[in-house]
Structures are given as structure tokens and as C-alpha cells.
Amino acid sequence: MNVRVQFYAQLRDLTGASELDVDLPDKATVGDLQTKIYEKVPTLRSQDKSILIGAGVEFVDGNYELTPGEEIPLMPPVQRG
């Protein structure tokens, strides 16, 4: 299956792109997706503990099971200034 990952704020700066299409096996989880992303963009691994991952309008964890064609936003935590 294919999912589209969308990068926001400094994550977009680290990847040099706003989106990335990732091919995964059926029943892949967000954890599987993260592994693939870090293989393609190793600089994101340093942000692993602070990345927020969304699916639809909710934040999800590494156990969330992906569906084909799903768009997954990755973003840094909200900072207050």
C-alpha cells in the first residue's frame, strides 16, 4: 500500500520536502512507517521523541494500523512563545 506523509514546520526543513510517498506492506503500522521514513530521511531520527503523528483529525501512536492511500501528517509539538 502507499501512504503520503506530510511534513510541517522544521520537519519540512529537515527533509527538504513537504510530502513523501512511502510504499508499505498491507496492515503496516505507524511504527513501520517511521522505520521507512528514517531509512529515507535519516536526519528525522533525531526528532523521533518529539514528532506528533496524525491520522485524520487525531494524533496516533506507533501501533495505529495504516490504510491504503492514507495521508499522514508529521509535525513538531506546538510551541508557545
PDB file of N, CA and C in Angstrom:
ATOM      1  N   MET A   1       0.843  -1.177   0.000  1.00  0.00           N
ATOM      2  CA  MET A   1       0.000   0.000   0.000  1.00  0.00           C
ATOM      3  C   MET A   1       0.886   1.237   0.000  1.00  0.00           C
ATOM      4  N   ASN A   2       0.319   2.329  -0.417  1.00  0.00           N
ATOM      5  CA  ASN A   2       1.048   3.585  -0.466  1.00  0.00           C
ATOM      6  C   ASN A   2       0.386   4.578   0.472  1.00  0.00           C
ATOM      7  N   VAL A   3       1.192   5.269   1.273  1.00  0.00           N
ATOM      8  CA  VAL A   3       0.680   6.360   2.106  1.00  0.00           C
ATOM      9  C   VAL A   3       1.506   7.605   1.822  1.00  0.00           C
ATOM     10  N   ARG A   4       0.878   8.730   1.970  1.00  0.00           N
ATOM     11  CA  ARG A   4       1.558  10.008   1.763  1.00  0.00           C
ATOM     12  C   ARG A   4       1.801  10.640   3.121  1.00  0.00           C
ATOM     13  N   VAL A   5       3.051  10.980   3.370  1.00  0.00           N
ATOM     14  CA  VAL A   5       3.442  11.632   4.618  1.00  0.00           C
ATOM     15  C   VAL A   5       3.618  13.114   4.325  1.00  0.00           C
ATOM     16  N   GLN A   6       3.046  13.939   5.170  1.00  0.00           N
ATOM     17  CA  GLN A   6       3.156  15.388   5.016  1.00  0.00           C
ATOM     18  C   GLN A   6       4.018  15.922   6.164  1.00  0.00           C
ATOM     19  N   PHE A   7       4.993  16.757   5.831  1.00  0.00           N
ATOM     20  CA  PHE A   7       5.897  17.317   6.832  1.00  0.00           C
ATOM     21  C   PHE A   7       5.581  18.792   7.059  1.00  0.00           C
ATOM     22  N   TYR A   8       5.632  19.213   8.311  1.00  0.00           N
ATOM     23  CA  TYR A   8       5.323  20.594   8.668  1.00  0.00           C
ATOM     24  C   TYR A   8       6.466  21.222   9.450  1.00  0.00           C
ATOM     25  N   ALA A   9       6.539  22.550   9.372  1.00  0.00           N
ATOM     26  CA  ALA A   9       7.477  23.376  10.145  1.00  0.00           C
ATOM     27  C   ALA A   9       8.911  22.880   9.950  1.00  0.00           C
ATOM     28  N   GLN A  10       9.675  22.721  11.051  1.00  0.00           N
ATOM     29  CA  GLN A  10      11.075  22.355  10.917  1.00  0.00           C
ATOM     30  C   GLN A  10      11.275  20.957  10.348  1.00  0.00           C
ATOM     31  N   LEU A  11      10.266  20.097  10.422  1.00  0.00           N
ATOM     32  CA  LEU A  11      10.393  18.772   9.807  1.00  0.00           C
ATOM     33  C   LEU A  11      10.457  18.907   8.286  1.00  0.00           C
ATOM     34  N   ARG A  12       9.711  19.846   7.739  1.00  0.00           N
ATOM     35  CA  ARG A  12       9.783  20.123   6.307  1.00  0.00           C
ATOM     36  C   ARG A  12      11.180  20.639   5.949  1.00  0.00           C
ATOM     37  N   ASP A  13      11.743  21.474   6.813  1.00  0.00           N
ATOM     38  CA  ASP A  13      13.093  21.981   6.570  1.00  0.00           C
ATOM     39  C   ASP A  13      14.125  20.859   6.611  1.00  0.00           C
ATOM     40  N   LEU A  14      13.979  19.933   7.550  1.00  0.00           N
ATOM     41  CA  LEU A  14      14.934  18.816   7.670  1.00  0.00           C
ATOM     42  C   LEU A  14      14.861  17.862   6.482  1.00  0.00           C
ATOM     43  N   THR A  15      13.660  17.657   5.954  1.00  0.00           N
ATOM     44  CA  THR A  15      13.508  16.723   4.839  1.00  0.00           C
ATOM     45  C   THR A  15      13.749  17.380   3.489  1.00  0.00           C
ATOM     46  N   GLY A  16      13.567  18.694   3.432  1.00  0.00           N
ATOM     47  CA  GLY A  16      13.692  19.385   2.156  1.00  0.00           C
ATOM     48  C   GLY A  16      12.483  19.168   1.254  1.00  0.00           C
ATOM     49  N   ALA A  17      11.388  18.664   1.829  1.00  0.00           N
ATOM     50  CA  ALA A  17      10.172  18.406   1.053  1.00  0.00           C
ATOM     51  C   ALA A  17       8.960  18.571   1.960  1.00  0.00           C
ATOM     52  N   SER A  18       7.827  18.832   1.356  1.00  0.00           N
ATOM     53  CA  SER A  18       6.603  18.943   2.148  1.00  0.00           C
ATOM     54  C   SER A  18       5.849  17.614   2.209  1.00  0.00           C
ATOM     55  N   GLU A  19       6.154  16.696   1.275  1.00  0.00           N
ATOM     56  CA  GLU A  19       5.477  15.402   1.244  1.00  0.00           C
ATOM     57  C   GLU A  19       6.438  14.309   0.806  1.00  0.00           C
ATOM     58  N   LEU A  20       6.089  13.086   1.185  1.00  0.00           N
ATOM     59  CA  LEU A  20       6.862  11.915   0.789  1.00  0.00           C
ATOM     60  C   LEU A  20       5.896  10.744   0.644  1.00  0.00           C
ATOM     61  N   ASP A  21       5.911  10.080  -0.510  1.00  0.00           N
ATOM     62  CA  ASP A  21       5.103   8.879  -0.700  1.00  0.00           C
ATOM     63  C   ASP A  21       5.922   7.673  -0.263  1.00  0.00           C
ATOM     64  N   VAL A  22       5.309   6.790   0.543  1.00  0.00           N
ATOM     65  CA  VAL A  22       6.006   5.634   1.093  1.00  0.00           C
ATOM     66  C   VAL A  22       5.198   4.378   0.786  1.00  0.00           C
ATOM     67  N   ASP A  23       5.870   3.367   0.224  1.00  0.00           N
ATOM     68  CA  ASP A  23       5.246   2.071  -0.023  1.00  0.00           C
ATOM     69  C   ASP A  23       5.478   1.163   1.171  1.00  0.00           C
ATOM     70  N   LEU A  24       4.400   0.539   1.639  1.00  0.00           N
ATOM     71  CA  LEU A  24       4.436  -0.346   2.806  1.00  0.00           C
ATOM     72  C   LEU A  24       3.601  -1.585   2.532  1.00  0.00           C
ATOM     73  N   PRO A  25       3.884  -2.671   3.255  1.00  0.00           N
ATOM     74  CA  PRO A  25       3.034  -3.856   3.112  1.00  0.00           C
ATOM     75  C   PRO A  25       1.657  -3.613   3.746  1.00  0.00           C
ATOM     76  N   ASP A  26       0.671  -4.407   3.353  1.00  0.00           N
ATOM     77  CA  ASP A  26      -0.655  -4.319   3.965  1.00  0.00           C
ATOM     78  C   ASP A  26      -0.541  -4.531   5.468  1.00  0.00           C
ATOM     79  N   LYS A  27      -1.434  -3.890   6.199  1.00  0.00           N
ATOM     80  CA  LYS A  27      -1.503  -3.963   7.671  1.00  0.00           C
ATOM     81  C   LYS A  27      -0.271  -3.366   8.356  1.00  0.00           C
ATOM     82  N   ALA A  28       0.459  -2.508   7.654  1.00  0.00           N
ATOM     83  CA  ALA A  28       1.598  -1.822   8.258  1.00  0.00           C
ATOM     84  C   ALA A  28       1.094  -0.844   9.311  1.00  0.00           C
ATOM     85  N   THR A  29       1.927  -0.567  10.292  1.00  0.00           N
ATOM     86  CA  THR A  29       1.582   0.364  11.355  1.00  0.00           C
ATOM     87  C   THR A  29       2.365   1.655  11.187  1.00  0.00           C
ATOM     88  N   VAL A  30       2.029   2.632  12.000  1.00  0.00           N
ATOM     89  CA  VAL A  30       2.773   3.886  12.002  1.00  0.00           C
ATOM     90  C   VAL A  30       4.238   3.617  12.374  1.00  0.00           C
ATOM     91  N   GLY A  31       4.472   2.669  13.260  1.00  0.00           N
ATOM     92  CA  GLY A  31       5.850   2.305  13.607  1.00  0.00           C
ATOM     93  C   GLY A  31       6.622   1.817  12.391  1.00  0.00           C
ATOM     94  N   ASP A  32       5.979   1.008  11.547  1.00  0.00           N
ATOM     95  CA  ASP A  32       6.603   0.552  10.304  1.00  0.00           C
ATOM     96  C   ASP A  32       6.887   1.740   9.382  1.00  0.00           C
ATOM     97  N   LEU A  33       5.929   2.653   9.324  1.00  0.00           N
ATOM     98  CA  LEU A  33       6.090   3.845   8.504  1.00  0.00           C
ATOM     99  C   LEU A  33       7.276   4.675   8.978  1.00  0.00           C
ATOM    100  N   GLN A  34       7.399   4.862  10.290  1.00  0.00           N
ATOM    101  CA  GLN A  34       8.517   5.630  10.821  1.00  0.00           C
ATOM    102  C   GLN A  34       9.849   4.986  10.440  1.00  0.00           C
ATOM    103  N   THR A  35       9.938   3.678  10.524  1.00  0.00           N
ATOM    104  CA  THR A  35      11.173   2.989  10.148  1.00  0.00           C
ATOM    105  C   THR A  35      11.540   3.295   8.700  1.00  0.00           C
ATOM    106  N   LYS A  36      10.559   3.229   7.798  1.00  0.00           N
ATOM    107  CA  LYS A  36      10.800   3.527   6.380  1.00  0.00           C
ATOM    108  C   LYS A  36      11.221   4.977   6.174  1.00  0.00           C
ATOM    109  N   ILE A  37      10.542   5.885   6.884  1.00  0.00           N
ATOM    110  CA  ILE A  37      10.875   7.304   6.736  1.00  0.00           C
ATOM    111  C   ILE A  37      12.311   7.554   7.184  1.00  0.00           C
ATOM    112  N   TYR A  38      12.702   6.972   8.311  1.00  0.00           N
ATOM    113  CA  TYR A  38      14.055   7.188   8.823  1.00  0.00           C
ATOM    114  C   TYR A  38      15.107   6.569   7.916  1.00  0.00           C
ATOM    115  N   GLU A  39      14.756   5.518   7.181  1.00  0.00           N
ATOM    116  CA  GLU A  39      15.680   4.965   6.189  1.00  0.00           C
ATOM    117  C   GLU A  39      15.881   5.948   5.044  1.00  0.00           C
ATOM    118  N   LYS A  40      14.791   6.597   4.631  1.00  0.00           N
ATOM    119  CA  LYS A  40      14.856   7.545   3.508  1.00  0.00           C
ATOM    120  C   LYS A  40      15.401   8.908   3.920  1.00  0.00           C
ATOM    121  N   VAL A  41      15.085   9.329   5.148  1.00  0.00           N
ATOM    122  CA  VAL A  41      15.489  10.648   5.638  1.00  0.00           C
ATOM    123  C   VAL A  41      16.081  10.487   7.046  1.00  0.00           C
ATOM    124  N   PRO A  42      17.327  10.048   7.147  1.00  0.00           N
ATOM    125  CA  PRO A  42      17.922   9.767   8.458  1.00  0.00           C
ATOM    126  C   PRO A  42      17.963  10.971   9.402  1.00  0.00           C
ATOM    127  N   THR A  43      17.962  12.184   8.883  1.00  0.00           N
ATOM    128  CA  THR A  43      18.026  13.365   9.744  1.00  0.00           C
ATOM    129  C   THR A  43      16.789  13.504  10.630  1.00  0.00           C
ATOM    130  N   LEU A  44      15.686  12.875  10.258  1.00  0.00           N
ATOM    131  CA  LEU A  44      14.470  12.960  11.072  1.00  0.00           C
ATOM    132  C   LEU A  44      14.558  12.131  12.351  1.00  0.00           C
ATOM    133  N   ARG A  45      15.423  11.126  12.366  1.00  0.00           N
ATOM    134  CA  ARG A  45      15.532  10.254  13.538  1.00  0.00           C
ATOM    135  C   ARG A  45      15.849  11.053  14.804  1.00  0.00           C
ATOM    136  N   SER A  46      16.594  12.133  14.674  1.00  0.00           N
ATOM    137  CA  SER A  46      16.931  12.944  15.844  1.00  0.00           C
ATOM    138  C   SER A  46      15.706  13.615  16.462  1.00  0.00           C
ATOM    139  N   GLN A  47      14.626  13.710  15.711  1.00  0.00           N
ATOM    140  CA  GLN A  47      13.389  14.330  16.182  1.00  0.00           C
ATOM    141  C   GLN A  47      12.365  13.306  16.661  1.00  0.00           C
ATOM    142  N   ASP A  48      12.720  12.028  16.659  1.00  0.00           N
ATOM    143  CA  ASP A  48      11.781  10.936  16.900  1.00  0.00           C
ATOM    144  C   ASP A  48      10.933  11.105  18.152  1.00  0.00           C
ATOM    145  N   LYS A  49      11.507  11.492  19.258  1.00  0.00           N
ATOM    146  CA  LYS A  49      10.770  11.568  20.525  1.00  0.00           C
ATOM    147  C   LYS A  49       9.784  12.736  20.578  1.00  0.00           C
ATOM    148  N   SER A  50       9.936  13.706  19.683  1.00  0.00           N
ATOM    149  CA  SER A  50       9.064  14.879  19.756  1.00  0.00           C
ATOM    150  C   SER A  50       8.086  14.994  18.591  1.00  0.00           C
ATOM    151  N   ILE A  51       8.168  14.099  17.611  1.00  0.00           N
ATOM    152  CA  ILE A  51       7.285  14.186  16.447  1.00  0.00           C
ATOM    153  C   ILE A  51       5.859  13.779  16.827  1.00  0.00           C
ATOM    154  N   LEU A  52       4.906  14.588  16.421  1.00  0.00           N
ATOM    155  CA  LEU A  52       3.488  14.257  16.570  1.00  0.00           C
ATOM    156  C   LEU A  52       3.019  13.665  15.249  1.00  0.00           C
ATOM    157  N   ILE A  53       2.259  12.584  15.313  1.00  0.00           N
ATOM    158  CA  ILE A  53       1.810  11.891  14.116  1.00  0.00           C
ATOM    159  C   ILE A  53       0.291  11.901  14.094  1.00  0.00           C
ATOM    160  N   GLY A  54      -0.260  12.333  12.993  1.00  0.00           N
ATOM    161  CA  GLY A  54      -1.704  12.413  12.881  1.00  0.00           C
ATOM    162  C   GLY A  54      -2.259  11.421  11.879  1.00  0.00           C
ATOM    163  N   ALA A  55      -3.513  11.078  12.059  1.00  0.00           N
ATOM    164  CA  ALA A  55      -4.271  10.274  11.093  1.00  0.00           C
ATOM    165  C   ALA A  55      -5.691  10.825  11.127  1.00  0.00           C
ATOM    166  N   GLY A  56      -6.120  11.387  10.025  1.00  0.00           N
ATOM    167  CA  GLY A  56      -7.407  12.080  10.029  1.00  0.00           C
ATOM    168  C   GLY A  56      -7.272  13.319  10.901  1.00  0.00           C
ATOM    169  N   VAL A  57      -8.104  13.434  11.914  1.00  0.00           N
ATOM    170  CA  VAL A  57      -8.044  14.594  12.797  1.00  0.00           C
ATOM    171  C   VAL A  57      -7.521  14.224  14.180  1.00  0.00           C
ATOM    172  N   GLU A  58      -6.915  13.048  14.314  1.00  0.00           N
ATOM    173  CA  GLU A  58      -6.418  12.586  15.605  1.00  0.00           C
ATOM    174  C   GLU A  58      -4.915  12.357  15.562  1.00  0.00           C
ATOM    175  N   PHE A  59      -4.282  12.436  16.729  1.00  0.00           N
ATOM    176  CA  PHE A  59      -2.898  12.030  16.855  1.00  0.00           C
ATOM    177  C   PHE A  59      -2.885  10.549  17.172  1.00  0.00           C
ATOM    178  N   VAL A  60      -1.920   9.821  16.610  1.00  0.00           N
ATOM    179  CA  VAL A  60      -1.854   8.376  16.783  1.00  0.00           C
ATOM    180  C   VAL A  60      -0.463   7.976  17.249  1.00  0.00           C
ATOM    181  N   ASP A  61      -0.349   6.728  17.705  1.00  0.00           N
ATOM    182  CA  ASP A  61       0.956   6.225  18.107  1.00  0.00           C
ATOM    183  C   ASP A  61       1.433   5.174  17.107  1.00  0.00           C
ATOM    184  N   GLY A  62       2.546   4.539  17.424  1.00  0.00           N
ATOM    185  CA  GLY A  62       3.168   3.586  16.514  1.00  0.00           C
ATOM    186  C   GLY A  62       2.362   2.333  16.254  1.00  0.00           C
ATOM    187  N   ASN A  63       1.333   2.064  17.033  1.00  0.00           N
ATOM    188  CA  ASN A  63       0.515   0.869  16.837  1.00  0.00           C
ATOM    189  C   ASN A  63      -0.670   1.092  15.898  1.00  0.00           C
ATOM    190  N   TYR A  64      -0.908   2.317  15.489  1.00  0.00           N
ATOM    191  CA  TYR A  64      -2.015   2.624  14.593  1.00  0.00           C
ATOM    192  C   TYR A  64      -1.811   1.899  13.265  1.00  0.00           C
ATOM    193  N   GLU A  65      -2.825   1.171  12.790  1.00  0.00           N
ATOM    194  CA  GLU A  65      -2.730   0.443  11.534  1.00  0.00           C
ATOM    195  C   GLU A  65      -3.139   1.343  10.381  1.00  0.00           C
ATOM    196  N   LEU A  66      -2.262   1.475   9.412  1.00  0.00           N
ATOM    197  CA  LEU A  66      -2.475   2.356   8.271  1.00  0.00           C
ATOM    198  C   LEU A  66      -3.426   1.726   7.255  1.00  0.00           C
ATOM    199  N   THR A  67      -4.067   2.578   6.453  1.00  0.00           N
ATOM    200  CA  THR A  67      -4.920   2.117   5.365  1.00  0.00           C
ATOM    201  C   THR A  67      -4.356   2.648   4.054  1.00  0.00           C
ATOM    202  N   PRO A  68      -4.551   1.922   2.935  1.00  0.00           N
ATOM    203  CA  PRO A  68      -4.006   2.366   1.654  1.00  0.00           C
ATOM    204  C   PRO A  68      -4.478   3.772   1.293  1.00  0.00           C
ATOM    205  N   GLY A  69      -3.557   4.571   0.793  1.00  0.00           N
ATOM    206  CA  GLY A  69      -3.871   5.922   0.352  1.00  0.00           C
ATOM    207  C   GLY A  69      -4.016   6.943   1.457  1.00  0.00           C
ATOM    208  N   GLU A  70      -3.785   6.517   2.695  1.00  0.00           N
ATOM    209  CA  GLU A  70      -3.943   7.432   3.822  1.00  0.00           C
ATOM    210  C   GLU A  70      -2.877   8.524   3.770  1.00  0.00           C
ATOM    211  N   GLU A  71      -3.243   9.722   4.184  1.00  0.00           N
ATOM    212  CA  GLU A  71      -2.290  10.818   4.300  1.00  0.00           C
ATOM    213  C   GLU A  71      -1.965  10.997   5.772  1.00  0.00           C
ATOM    214  N   ILE A  72      -0.678  10.980   6.094  1.00  0.00           N
ATOM    215  CA  ILE A  72      -0.217  11.021   7.474  1.00  0.00           C
ATOM    216  C   ILE A  72       0.634  12.269   7.697  1.00  0.00           C
ATOM    217  N   PRO A  73       0.137  13.230   8.467  1.00  0.00           N
ATOM    218  CA  PRO A  73       0.954  14.405   8.763  1.00  0.00           C
ATOM    219  C   PRO A  73       1.925  14.131   9.919  1.00  0.00           C
ATOM    220  N   LEU A  74       3.151  14.594   9.780  1.00  0.00           N
ATOM    221  CA  LEU A  74       4.136  14.572  10.855  1.00  0.00           C
ATOM    222  C   LEU A  74       4.468  16.007  11.187  1.00  0.00           C
ATOM    223  N   MET A  75       4.437  16.351  12.459  1.00  0.00           N
ATOM    224  CA  MET A  75       4.681  17.740  12.837  1.00  0.00           C
ATOM    225  C   MET A  75       5.383  17.787  14.182  1.00  0.00           C
ATOM    226  N   PRO A  76       6.081  18.874  14.413  1.00  0.00           N
ATOM    227  CA  PRO A  76       6.700  19.051  15.732  1.00  0.00           C
ATOM    228  C   PRO A  76       5.631  19.440  16.739  1.00  0.00           C
ATOM    229  N   PRO A  77       5.939  19.299  18.028  1.00  0.00           N
ATOM    230  CA  PRO A  77       4.957  19.730  19.023  1.00  0.00           C
ATOM    231  C   PRO A  77       4.720  21.239  18.930  1.00  0.00           C
ATOM    232  N   VAL A  78       3.559  21.659  19.339  1.00  0.00           N
ATOM    233  CA  VAL A  78       3.221  23.079  19.341  1.00  0.00           C
ATOM    234  C   VAL A  78       4.068  23.778  20.394  1.00  0.00           C
ATOM    235  N   GLN A  79       4.663  24.890  19.991  1.00  0.00           N
ATOM    236  CA  GLN A  79       5.473  25.645  20.946  1.00  0.00           C
ATOM    237  C   GLN A  79       4.784  26.958  21.238  1.00  0.00           C
ATOM    238  N   ARG A  80       4.851  27.345  22.474  1.00  0.00           N
ATOM    239  CA  ARG A  80       4.250  28.623  22.882  1.00  0.00           C
ATOM    240  C   ARG A  80       5.357  29.656  23.007  1.00  0.00           C
ATOM    241  N   GLY A  81       5.044  30.857  22.621  1.00  0.00           N
ATOM    242  CA  GLY A  81       6.073  31.883  22.653  1.00  0.00           C
ATOM    243  C   GLY A  81       5.719  33.064  23.482  1.00  0.00           C
TER     244      GLY A  81
END
